[in-house]
């Protein structure tokens, strides 16, 4: 009895070339590393430098006339002596903001005052009267979009800065030097 002997294939067949070679992996990692480094360099170059304050003010004035915001968020306008400042009442606000992460609502109440140079107070008053509703809307939107960390800052620095910038953007020139938030209360409901 001659039986047809089938060849014994105990050795598994090598899978198709699905695995990457070590050289290919190193090439991909090198390309990704180069891209990350390039992004870091570009981000560093986009950071604002301290620069000359007079140059920053001039750039702000030029760009504000064009409607473009150029001051970085943490830039401050030069402080004025107290004798050259005046305060204007902007309004009383009661804002409710829903926090979807915690499924709660925040009730934020405060009075807002603006600080301006005495020479600019008449212009600022006119703008506050002419654009009352737009300014109130921007303040409410700014407060509602503030995160809890920003609202828990004892000095409310970021919130004040954002409100000041929004009002100056509506005014098309940096009339508002700063804002004062008084009678601030934050309640979580």
N, C-alpha and C. Protein backbone atom coordinates (compact mmCIF):
# COMPACT_ATOMS: atom_id res chain seq x y z
N UNK A 1 0.84 -1.16 0.00
CA UNK A 1 0.00 0.00 0.00
C UNK A 1 0.88 1.21 0.00
N UNK A 2 0.83 1.67 -1.06
CA UNK A 2 1.62 2.89 -1.19
C UNK A 2 0.70 4.07 -0.99
N UNK A 3 0.93 4.70 0.07
CA UNK A 3 0.10 5.86 0.39
C UNK A 3 0.84 7.11 -0.05
N UNK A 4 0.04 8.00 -0.65
CA UNK A 4 0.68 9.27 -1.07
C UNK A 4 1.04 10.04 0.19
N UNK A 5 2.26 10.27 0.33
CA UNK A 5 2.72 11.00 1.50
C UNK A 5 2.63 12.50 1.23
N UNK A 6 1.84 13.15 2.08
CA UNK A 6 1.72 14.61 1.96
C UNK A 6 2.91 15.24 2.66
N UNK A 7 3.42 16.25 2.06
CA UNK A 7 4.57 16.89 2.71
C UNK A 7 4.17 17.43 4.07
N UNK A 8 5.04 17.32 5.02
CA UNK A 8 4.80 17.78 6.38
C UNK A 8 5.16 19.26 6.47
N UNK A 9 4.17 20.06 6.71
CA UNK A 9 4.37 21.51 6.82
C UNK A 9 4.25 21.94 8.28
N UNK A 10 5.17 21.53 9.07
CA UNK A 10 5.14 21.93 10.48
C UNK A 10 5.66 23.34 10.68
N UNK A 11 6.42 23.82 9.77
CA UNK A 11 6.94 25.17 9.91
C UNK A 11 5.91 26.15 9.37
N UNK A 12 5.53 27.15 10.21
CA UNK A 12 4.51 28.11 9.75
C UNK A 12 5.06 29.00 8.64
N UNK A 13 4.12 29.43 7.83
CA UNK A 13 4.49 30.32 6.73
C UNK A 13 4.73 31.70 7.30
N UNK A 14 5.72 32.40 6.81
CA UNK A 14 6.02 33.75 7.29
C UNK A 14 4.90 34.69 6.85
N UNK A 15 4.41 35.54 7.77
CA UNK A 15 3.33 36.46 7.39
C UNK A 15 3.84 37.48 6.37
N UNK A 16 2.91 38.03 5.61
CA UNK A 16 3.35 39.05 4.66
C UNK A 16 4.05 40.18 5.39
N UNK A 17 4.72 40.97 4.68
CA UNK A 17 5.56 42.03 5.27
C UNK A 17 4.70 43.08 5.94
N UNK A 18 3.98 42.71 7.01
CA UNK A 18 3.10 43.63 7.73
C UNK A 18 3.85 44.33 8.85
N UNK A 19 4.91 43.74 9.30
CA UNK A 19 5.66 44.38 10.37
C UNK A 19 6.67 45.34 9.78
N UNK A 20 6.87 46.44 10.49
CA UNK A 20 7.80 47.47 10.03
C UNK A 20 9.20 47.11 10.47
N UNK A 21 10.10 47.49 9.67
CA UNK A 21 11.48 47.29 10.08
C UNK A 21 11.86 48.39 11.05
N UNK A 22 12.89 48.19 11.78
CA UNK A 22 13.35 49.16 12.76
C UNK A 22 13.74 50.47 12.09
N UNK A 23 14.31 50.41 10.92
CA UNK A 23 14.73 51.62 10.20
C UNK A 23 13.50 52.47 9.84
N UNK A 24 12.43 51.84 9.39
CA UNK A 24 11.22 52.57 9.04
C UNK A 24 10.62 53.25 10.27
N UNK A 25 10.63 52.58 11.41
CA UNK A 25 10.11 53.17 12.65
C UNK A 25 10.93 54.39 13.05
N UNK A 26 12.24 54.30 12.93
CA UNK A 26 13.11 55.42 13.29
C UNK A 26 12.86 56.60 12.36
N UNK A 27 12.65 56.33 11.08
CA UNK A 27 12.37 57.40 10.12
C UNK A 27 11.07 58.13 10.48
N UNK A 28 10.03 57.39 10.79
CA UNK A 28 8.74 57.99 11.15
C UNK A 28 8.88 58.83 12.42
N UNK A 29 9.54 58.29 13.43
CA UNK A 29 9.75 59.05 14.66
C UNK A 29 10.58 60.31 14.41
N UNK A 30 11.56 60.22 13.54
CA UNK A 30 12.37 61.39 13.20
C UNK A 30 11.54 62.48 12.52
N UNK A 31 10.67 62.07 11.61
CA UNK A 31 9.81 63.04 10.92
C UNK A 31 8.85 63.69 11.91
N UNK A 32 8.24 62.89 12.77
CA UNK A 32 7.32 63.45 13.77
C UNK A 32 8.06 64.39 14.72
N UNK A 33 9.26 64.02 15.12
CA UNK A 33 10.06 64.89 15.99
C UNK A 33 10.39 66.21 15.32
N UNK A 34 10.72 66.16 14.04
CA UNK A 34 11.02 67.39 13.31
C UNK A 34 9.79 68.29 13.21
N UNK A 35 8.62 67.71 13.00
CA UNK A 35 7.39 68.49 12.92
C UNK A 35 7.09 69.16 14.25
N UNK A 36 7.25 68.42 15.35
CA UNK A 36 7.01 68.99 16.68
C UNK A 36 7.99 70.12 16.96
N UNK A 37 9.23 69.93 16.63
CA UNK A 37 10.24 70.98 16.84
C UNK A 37 9.91 72.23 16.02
N UNK A 38 9.49 72.04 14.78
CA UNK A 38 9.12 73.17 13.93
C UNK A 38 7.95 73.93 14.53
N UNK A 39 6.94 73.21 15.03
CA UNK A 39 5.80 73.87 15.67
C UNK A 39 6.23 74.64 16.90
N UNK A 40 7.15 74.10 17.68
CA UNK A 40 7.65 74.81 18.87
C UNK A 40 8.37 76.09 18.48
N UNK A 41 9.18 76.03 17.45
CA UNK A 41 9.91 77.22 17.00
C UNK A 41 8.93 78.28 16.51
N UNK A 42 7.93 77.89 15.74
CA UNK A 42 6.94 78.86 15.25
C UNK A 42 6.17 79.46 16.41
N UNK A 43 5.76 78.66 17.40
CA UNK A 43 5.03 79.17 18.56
C UNK A 43 5.90 80.14 19.35
N UNK A 44 7.18 79.83 19.50
CA UNK A 44 8.09 80.72 20.22
C UNK A 44 8.23 82.05 19.50
N UNK A 45 8.29 82.00 18.19
CA UNK A 45 8.45 83.23 17.42
C UNK A 45 7.19 84.09 17.48
N UNK A 46 6.05 83.48 17.75
CA UNK A 46 4.80 84.24 17.81
C UNK A 46 4.55 84.86 19.18
N UNK A 47 5.34 84.48 20.19
CA UNK A 47 5.17 85.06 21.52
C UNK A 47 5.49 86.55 21.46
N UNK A 48 4.69 87.38 22.15
CA UNK A 48 4.99 88.81 22.15
C UNK A 48 6.21 89.08 23.01
N UNK A 49 7.03 89.97 22.56
CA UNK A 49 8.18 90.35 23.37
C UNK A 49 7.80 91.56 24.20
N UNK A 50 8.55 91.79 25.27
CA UNK A 50 8.27 92.94 26.13
C UNK A 50 8.30 94.22 25.32
N UNK A 51 9.37 94.43 24.62
CA UNK A 51 9.47 95.56 23.70
C UNK A 51 9.32 96.91 24.37
N UNK A 52 9.30 97.91 23.54
CA UNK A 52 9.18 99.29 23.96
C UNK A 52 7.71 99.61 24.23
N UNK A 53 7.36 100.10 25.43
CA UNK A 53 5.96 100.39 25.73
C UNK A 53 5.36 101.45 24.80
N UNK A 54 6.17 102.43 24.43
CA UNK A 54 5.66 103.47 23.52
C UNK A 54 5.33 102.88 22.16
N UNK A 55 6.16 101.96 21.70
CA UNK A 55 5.91 101.29 20.42
C UNK A 55 4.64 100.45 20.49
N UNK A 56 4.44 99.74 21.62
CA UNK A 56 3.23 98.95 21.80
C UNK A 56 1.99 99.84 21.79
N UNK A 57 2.04 100.98 22.48
CA UNK A 57 0.90 101.90 22.49
C UNK A 57 0.60 102.42 21.09
N UNK A 58 1.64 102.76 20.36
CA UNK A 58 1.45 103.28 19.00
C UNK A 58 0.84 102.20 18.10
N UNK A 59 1.36 100.96 18.22
CA UNK A 59 0.80 99.87 17.43
C UNK A 59 -0.65 99.62 17.78
N UNK A 60 -0.96 99.70 19.09
CA UNK A 60 -2.34 99.50 19.53
C UNK A 60 -3.24 100.58 18.94
N UNK A 61 -2.80 101.82 18.98
CA UNK A 61 -3.61 102.91 18.45
C UNK A 61 -3.82 102.75 16.95
N UNK A 62 -2.77 102.38 16.22
CA UNK A 62 -2.90 102.20 14.77
C UNK A 62 -3.85 101.06 14.44
N UNK A 63 -3.68 99.94 15.12
CA UNK A 63 -4.51 98.77 14.84
C UNK A 63 -5.93 98.96 15.33
N UNK A 64 -6.12 99.70 16.44
CA UNK A 64 -7.47 99.93 16.96
C UNK A 64 -8.30 100.72 15.95
N UNK A 65 -7.65 101.65 15.24
CA UNK A 65 -8.37 102.39 14.21
C UNK A 65 -8.83 101.46 13.09
N UNK A 66 -8.07 100.38 12.87
CA UNK A 66 -8.42 99.41 11.84
C UNK A 66 -9.35 98.33 12.39
N UNK A 67 -9.61 98.34 13.70
CA UNK A 67 -10.49 97.35 14.31
C UNK A 67 -9.81 96.04 14.64
N UNK A 68 -8.47 96.03 14.74
CA UNK A 68 -7.73 94.81 15.03
C UNK A 68 -7.14 94.93 16.43
N UNK A 69 -7.27 93.86 17.22
CA UNK A 69 -6.72 93.85 18.57
C UNK A 69 -5.27 93.37 18.52
N UNK A 70 -4.34 94.16 19.10
CA UNK A 70 -2.94 93.78 19.03
C UNK A 70 -2.28 93.60 20.39
N UNK A 71 -2.87 94.12 21.45
CA UNK A 71 -2.25 93.97 22.75
C UNK A 71 -2.42 92.54 23.23
N UNK A 72 -1.36 91.93 23.75
CA UNK A 72 -1.53 90.61 24.32
C UNK A 72 -2.46 90.68 25.52
N UNK A 73 -3.03 89.54 25.88
CA UNK A 73 -4.03 89.52 26.94
C UNK A 73 -3.50 90.04 28.27
N UNK A 74 -2.23 89.82 28.56
CA UNK A 74 -1.71 90.24 29.85
C UNK A 74 -1.08 91.62 29.83
N UNK A 75 -1.18 92.35 28.71
CA UNK A 75 -0.60 93.68 28.64
C UNK A 75 -1.46 94.66 29.43
N UNK A 76 -0.83 95.57 30.11
CA UNK A 76 -1.53 96.59 30.87
C UNK A 76 -1.18 97.96 30.30
N UNK A 77 -2.16 98.85 30.31
CA UNK A 77 -1.90 100.22 29.90
C UNK A 77 -1.17 100.92 31.04
N UNK A 78 -0.39 101.93 30.72
CA UNK A 78 0.34 102.64 31.76
C UNK A 78 -0.62 103.19 32.81
N UNK A 79 -0.33 102.98 34.09
CA UNK A 79 -1.20 103.52 35.12
C UNK A 79 -1.09 105.04 35.18
N UNK A 80 -2.19 105.65 35.50
CA UNK A 80 -2.22 107.10 35.64
C UNK A 80 -2.17 107.46 37.12
N UNK A 81 -1.63 108.63 37.45
CA UNK A 81 -1.74 109.07 38.84
C UNK A 81 -3.22 109.22 39.22
N UNK A 82 -3.54 108.99 40.47
CA UNK A 82 -4.94 109.04 40.91
C UNK A 82 -5.59 110.38 40.60
N UNK A 83 -4.80 111.46 40.62
CA UNK A 83 -5.38 112.79 40.36
C UNK A 83 -5.79 112.95 38.89
N UNK A 84 -5.23 112.13 37.99
CA UNK A 84 -5.56 112.24 36.56
C UNK A 84 -6.61 111.21 36.13
N UNK A 85 -7.15 110.44 37.09
CA UNK A 85 -8.12 109.40 36.76
C UNK A 85 -9.52 109.82 37.19
N UNK A 86 -10.47 109.22 36.53
CA UNK A 86 -11.85 109.36 36.96
C UNK A 86 -12.55 108.02 36.79
N UNK A 87 -13.57 107.80 37.61
CA UNK A 87 -14.31 106.55 37.56
C UNK A 87 -15.71 106.83 37.03
N UNK A 88 -16.17 105.95 36.14
CA UNK A 88 -17.51 106.06 35.58
C UNK A 88 -18.27 104.78 35.88
N UNK A 89 -19.54 104.92 36.28
CA UNK A 89 -20.37 103.76 36.53
C UNK A 89 -20.80 103.18 35.20
N UNK A 90 -20.52 101.90 34.99
CA UNK A 90 -20.89 101.23 33.74
C UNK A 90 -22.21 100.51 33.89
N UNK A 91 -22.42 99.85 35.03
CA UNK A 91 -23.69 99.19 35.23
C UNK A 91 -23.68 98.18 36.35
N UNK A 92 -24.89 97.72 36.67
CA UNK A 92 -25.08 96.68 37.66
C UNK A 92 -25.47 95.43 36.89
N UNK A 93 -24.85 94.30 37.23
CA UNK A 93 -25.04 93.07 36.46
C UNK A 93 -25.44 91.93 37.38
N UNK A 94 -26.36 91.10 36.88
CA UNK A 94 -26.77 89.86 37.53
C UNK A 94 -26.79 88.82 36.42
N UNK A 95 -25.78 87.95 36.41
CA UNK A 95 -25.59 87.00 35.31
C UNK A 95 -25.73 85.59 35.86
N UNK A 96 -26.46 84.76 35.12
CA UNK A 96 -26.57 83.34 35.45
C UNK A 96 -25.83 82.56 34.38
N UNK A 97 -24.97 81.66 34.81
CA UNK A 97 -24.16 80.88 33.88
C UNK A 97 -24.27 79.41 34.22
N UNK A 98 -24.71 78.60 33.25
CA UNK A 98 -24.82 77.16 33.45
C UNK A 98 -23.47 76.51 33.26
N UNK A 99 -23.10 75.61 34.17
CA UNK A 99 -21.85 74.87 34.11
C UNK A 99 -22.17 73.41 33.79
N UNK A 100 -22.03 73.01 32.51
CA UNK A 100 -22.44 71.65 32.14
C UNK A 100 -21.60 70.55 32.78
N UNK A 101 -20.35 70.83 33.11
CA UNK A 101 -19.49 69.81 33.70
C UNK A 101 -20.02 69.38 35.07
N UNK A 102 -20.42 70.35 35.88
CA UNK A 102 -20.90 70.04 37.23
C UNK A 102 -22.42 70.02 37.30
N UNK A 103 -23.09 70.35 36.19
CA UNK A 103 -24.55 70.39 36.12
C UNK A 103 -25.15 71.34 37.16
N UNK A 104 -24.49 72.50 37.31
CA UNK A 104 -24.96 73.52 38.24
C UNK A 104 -25.03 74.86 37.51
N UNK A 105 -25.65 75.81 38.16
CA UNK A 105 -25.70 77.17 37.64
C UNK A 105 -24.98 78.10 38.59
N UNK A 106 -24.31 79.08 38.03
CA UNK A 106 -23.65 80.10 38.84
C UNK A 106 -24.44 81.39 38.75
N UNK A 107 -24.65 82.01 39.87
CA UNK A 107 -25.29 83.33 39.91
C UNK A 107 -24.19 84.32 40.25
N UNK A 108 -23.93 85.26 39.33
CA UNK A 108 -22.84 86.21 39.49
C UNK A 108 -23.43 87.61 39.49
N UNK A 109 -23.27 88.32 40.60
CA UNK A 109 -23.77 89.69 40.75
C UNK A 109 -22.60 90.62 41.02
N UNK A 110 -22.61 91.79 40.37
CA UNK A 110 -21.56 92.76 40.60
C UNK A 110 -21.94 94.12 40.02
N UNK A 111 -21.24 95.14 40.50
CA UNK A 111 -21.31 96.48 39.93
C UNK A 111 -20.01 96.72 39.19
N UNK A 112 -20.07 97.40 38.06
CA UNK A 112 -18.89 97.61 37.24
C UNK A 112 -18.65 99.10 37.04
N UNK A 113 -17.41 99.51 37.28
CA UNK A 113 -16.99 100.89 37.09
C UNK A 113 -15.79 100.89 36.14
N UNK A 114 -15.66 101.94 35.36
CA UNK A 114 -14.53 102.07 34.46
C UNK A 114 -13.59 103.16 34.93
N UNK A 115 -12.30 102.94 34.76
CA UNK A 115 -11.28 103.94 35.09
C UNK A 115 -10.77 104.51 33.78
N UNK A 116 -10.76 105.83 33.69
CA UNK A 116 -10.28 106.49 32.49
C UNK A 116 -9.54 107.76 32.85
N UNK A 117 -8.79 108.29 31.92
CA UNK A 117 -8.12 109.57 32.13
C UNK A 117 -9.19 110.66 32.16
N UNK A 118 -8.98 111.70 32.95
CA UNK A 118 -9.98 112.77 33.05
C UNK A 118 -10.29 113.37 31.69
N UNK A 119 -9.29 113.49 30.84
CA UNK A 119 -9.51 114.05 29.51
C UNK A 119 -10.33 113.16 28.60
N UNK A 120 -10.38 111.86 28.90
CA UNK A 120 -11.12 110.92 28.06
C UNK A 120 -12.51 110.60 28.62
N UNK A 121 -12.85 111.13 29.79
CA UNK A 121 -14.10 110.73 30.44
C UNK A 121 -15.33 111.14 29.63
N UNK A 122 -15.31 112.31 29.00
CA UNK A 122 -16.47 112.74 28.19
C UNK A 122 -16.66 111.81 27.00
N UNK A 123 -15.55 111.44 26.33
CA UNK A 123 -15.64 110.52 25.19
C UNK A 123 -16.16 109.16 25.63
N UNK A 124 -15.66 108.67 26.75
CA UNK A 124 -16.09 107.36 27.24
C UNK A 124 -17.56 107.39 27.64
N UNK A 125 -18.01 108.47 28.29
CA UNK A 125 -19.42 108.58 28.65
C UNK A 125 -20.30 108.54 27.41
N UNK A 126 -19.89 109.24 26.37
CA UNK A 126 -20.65 109.25 25.12
C UNK A 126 -20.74 107.85 24.54
N UNK A 127 -19.62 107.14 24.52
CA UNK A 127 -19.60 105.78 23.97
C UNK A 127 -20.46 104.85 24.83
N UNK A 128 -20.39 105.00 26.15
CA UNK A 128 -21.20 104.16 27.03
C UNK A 128 -22.70 104.41 26.79
N UNK A 129 -23.07 105.64 26.52
CA UNK A 129 -24.48 105.96 26.26
C UNK A 129 -24.91 105.47 24.88
N UNK A 130 -24.06 105.68 23.87
CA UNK A 130 -24.42 105.31 22.50
C UNK A 130 -24.45 103.79 22.30
N UNK A 131 -23.60 103.08 23.00
CA UNK A 131 -23.46 101.64 22.79
C UNK A 131 -23.82 100.84 24.05
N UNK A 132 -24.77 101.33 24.81
CA UNK A 132 -25.13 100.70 26.09
C UNK A 132 -25.45 99.22 25.93
N UNK A 133 -26.30 98.90 24.98
CA UNK A 133 -26.74 97.51 24.85
C UNK A 133 -25.63 96.60 24.34
N UNK A 134 -24.84 97.08 23.42
CA UNK A 134 -23.74 96.27 22.90
C UNK A 134 -22.69 96.03 24.00
N UNK A 135 -22.42 97.05 24.79
CA UNK A 135 -21.44 96.91 25.88
C UNK A 135 -21.97 95.95 26.93
N UNK A 136 -23.24 96.09 27.32
CA UNK A 136 -23.82 95.16 28.31
C UNK A 136 -23.78 93.73 27.80
N UNK A 137 -24.11 93.55 26.51
CA UNK A 137 -24.09 92.22 25.92
C UNK A 137 -22.69 91.62 25.98
N UNK A 138 -21.68 92.39 25.61
CA UNK A 138 -20.31 91.88 25.61
C UNK A 138 -19.84 91.55 27.03
N UNK A 139 -20.25 92.34 28.01
CA UNK A 139 -19.87 92.07 29.40
C UNK A 139 -20.53 90.78 29.87
N UNK A 140 -21.80 90.61 29.56
CA UNK A 140 -22.52 89.39 29.97
C UNK A 140 -21.92 88.16 29.30
N UNK A 141 -21.62 88.26 28.00
CA UNK A 141 -21.01 87.13 27.29
C UNK A 141 -19.64 86.81 27.90
N UNK A 142 -18.88 87.83 28.22
CA UNK A 142 -17.55 87.62 28.81
C UNK A 142 -17.66 86.93 30.16
N UNK A 143 -18.59 87.36 30.99
CA UNK A 143 -18.76 86.75 32.31
C UNK A 143 -19.26 85.31 32.18
N UNK A 144 -20.20 85.08 31.27
CA UNK A 144 -20.72 83.71 31.09
C UNK A 144 -19.65 82.76 30.56
N UNK A 145 -18.74 83.27 29.75
CA UNK A 145 -17.72 82.40 29.18
C UNK A 145 -16.52 82.21 30.12
N UNK A 146 -16.51 82.93 31.24
CA UNK A 146 -15.41 82.79 32.21
C UNK A 146 -15.53 81.45 32.91
N UNK A 147 -14.39 80.80 33.10
CA UNK A 147 -14.41 79.53 33.82
C UNK A 147 -14.39 79.79 35.33
N UNK A 148 -14.62 78.75 36.10
CA UNK A 148 -14.72 78.89 37.54
C UNK A 148 -13.41 79.37 38.16
N UNK A 149 -12.30 78.94 37.60
CA UNK A 149 -10.99 79.38 38.11
C UNK A 149 -10.84 80.90 37.97
N UNK A 150 -11.28 81.43 36.83
CA UNK A 150 -11.19 82.87 36.59
C UNK A 150 -12.10 83.63 37.57
N UNK A 151 -13.27 83.09 37.84
CA UNK A 151 -14.20 83.75 38.74
C UNK A 151 -13.80 83.64 40.20
N UNK A 152 -12.98 82.64 40.53
CA UNK A 152 -12.53 82.47 41.92
C UNK A 152 -11.25 83.24 42.22
N UNK A 153 -10.65 83.89 41.23
CA UNK A 153 -9.47 84.71 41.46
C UNK A 153 -9.88 85.89 42.34
N UNK A 154 -9.23 86.08 43.49
CA UNK A 154 -9.63 87.17 44.39
C UNK A 154 -9.55 88.56 43.74
N UNK A 155 -8.64 88.74 42.81
CA UNK A 155 -8.49 90.04 42.16
C UNK A 155 -9.27 90.12 40.84
N UNK A 156 -9.79 89.01 40.36
CA UNK A 156 -10.54 88.93 39.10
C UNK A 156 -9.74 89.55 37.94
N UNK A 157 -8.44 89.35 37.92
CA UNK A 157 -7.56 89.99 36.93
C UNK A 157 -7.95 89.67 35.49
N UNK A 158 -8.09 88.40 35.17
CA UNK A 158 -8.40 88.02 33.79
C UNK A 158 -9.76 88.53 33.36
N UNK A 159 -10.74 88.43 34.23
CA UNK A 159 -12.08 88.90 33.91
C UNK A 159 -12.09 90.41 33.67
N UNK A 160 -11.42 91.15 34.54
CA UNK A 160 -11.35 92.61 34.37
C UNK A 160 -10.65 92.98 33.06
N UNK A 161 -9.57 92.28 32.76
CA UNK A 161 -8.80 92.55 31.54
C UNK A 161 -9.66 92.30 30.30
N UNK A 162 -10.39 91.19 30.32
CA UNK A 162 -11.23 90.87 29.17
C UNK A 162 -12.35 91.88 28.99
N UNK A 163 -12.97 92.30 30.09
CA UNK A 163 -14.04 93.30 30.01
C UNK A 163 -13.47 94.61 29.49
N UNK A 164 -12.32 95.03 30.02
CA UNK A 164 -11.69 96.27 29.54
C UNK A 164 -11.41 96.20 28.05
N UNK A 165 -10.86 95.09 27.59
CA UNK A 165 -10.53 94.96 26.17
C UNK A 165 -11.77 94.98 25.29
N UNK A 166 -12.86 94.35 25.76
CA UNK A 166 -14.10 94.35 24.97
C UNK A 166 -14.66 95.77 24.83
N UNK A 167 -14.65 96.53 25.91
CA UNK A 167 -15.17 97.90 25.86
C UNK A 167 -14.27 98.76 24.99
N UNK A 168 -12.97 98.62 25.10
CA UNK A 168 -12.05 99.39 24.25
C UNK A 168 -12.20 99.01 22.79
N UNK A 169 -12.52 97.77 22.53
CA UNK A 169 -12.73 97.34 21.15
C UNK A 169 -13.99 98.00 20.58
N UNK A 170 -15.03 98.09 21.37
CA UNK A 170 -16.25 98.77 20.93
C UNK A 170 -15.98 100.25 20.73
N UNK A 171 -15.17 100.85 21.61
CA UNK A 171 -14.84 102.27 21.51
C UNK A 171 -13.87 102.57 20.37
N UNK A 172 -13.20 101.56 19.84
CA UNK A 172 -12.20 101.68 18.77
C UNK A 172 -10.96 102.45 19.19
N UNK A 173 -10.81 102.68 20.48
CA UNK A 173 -9.58 103.29 20.99
C UNK A 173 -9.47 102.97 22.48
N UNK A 174 -8.28 102.98 23.02
CA UNK A 174 -8.09 102.58 24.42
C UNK A 174 -8.47 103.67 25.41
N UNK A 175 -9.76 103.97 25.53
CA UNK A 175 -10.22 104.98 26.48
C UNK A 175 -10.26 104.44 27.90
N UNK A 176 -10.62 103.18 28.03
CA UNK A 176 -10.78 102.56 29.35
C UNK A 176 -9.43 102.03 29.80
N UNK A 177 -8.93 102.53 30.92
CA UNK A 177 -7.63 102.13 31.44
C UNK A 177 -7.73 100.89 32.33
N UNK A 178 -8.88 100.70 32.91
CA UNK A 178 -9.09 99.56 33.79
C UNK A 178 -10.54 99.52 34.23
N UNK A 179 -10.91 98.45 34.91
CA UNK A 179 -12.26 98.35 35.45
C UNK A 179 -12.20 97.97 36.92
N UNK A 180 -13.24 98.38 37.64
CA UNK A 180 -13.38 98.05 39.05
C UNK A 180 -14.65 97.23 39.18
N UNK A 181 -14.52 96.07 39.81
CA UNK A 181 -15.68 95.22 40.07
C UNK A 181 -15.95 95.31 41.56
N UNK A 182 -17.12 95.85 41.91
CA UNK A 182 -17.45 95.95 43.34
C UNK A 182 -18.69 95.12 43.64
N UNK A 183 -18.89 94.83 44.90
CA UNK A 183 -20.02 94.04 45.38
C UNK A 183 -20.16 92.73 44.61
N UNK A 184 -19.02 92.07 44.37
CA UNK A 184 -19.01 90.83 43.60
C UNK A 184 -19.49 89.68 44.48
N UNK A 185 -20.45 88.94 43.95
CA UNK A 185 -20.89 87.74 44.66
C UNK A 185 -21.08 86.62 43.66
N UNK A 186 -20.64 85.45 44.05
CA UNK A 186 -20.69 84.26 43.21
C UNK A 186 -21.36 83.16 44.02
N UNK A 187 -22.51 82.69 43.53
CA UNK A 187 -23.23 81.62 44.22
C UNK A 187 -23.45 80.47 43.26
N UNK A 188 -23.19 79.28 43.75
CA UNK A 188 -23.44 78.08 42.95
C UNK A 188 -24.80 77.51 43.34
N UNK A 189 -25.63 77.25 42.35
CA UNK A 189 -26.99 76.75 42.61
C UNK A 189 -27.16 75.36 42.06
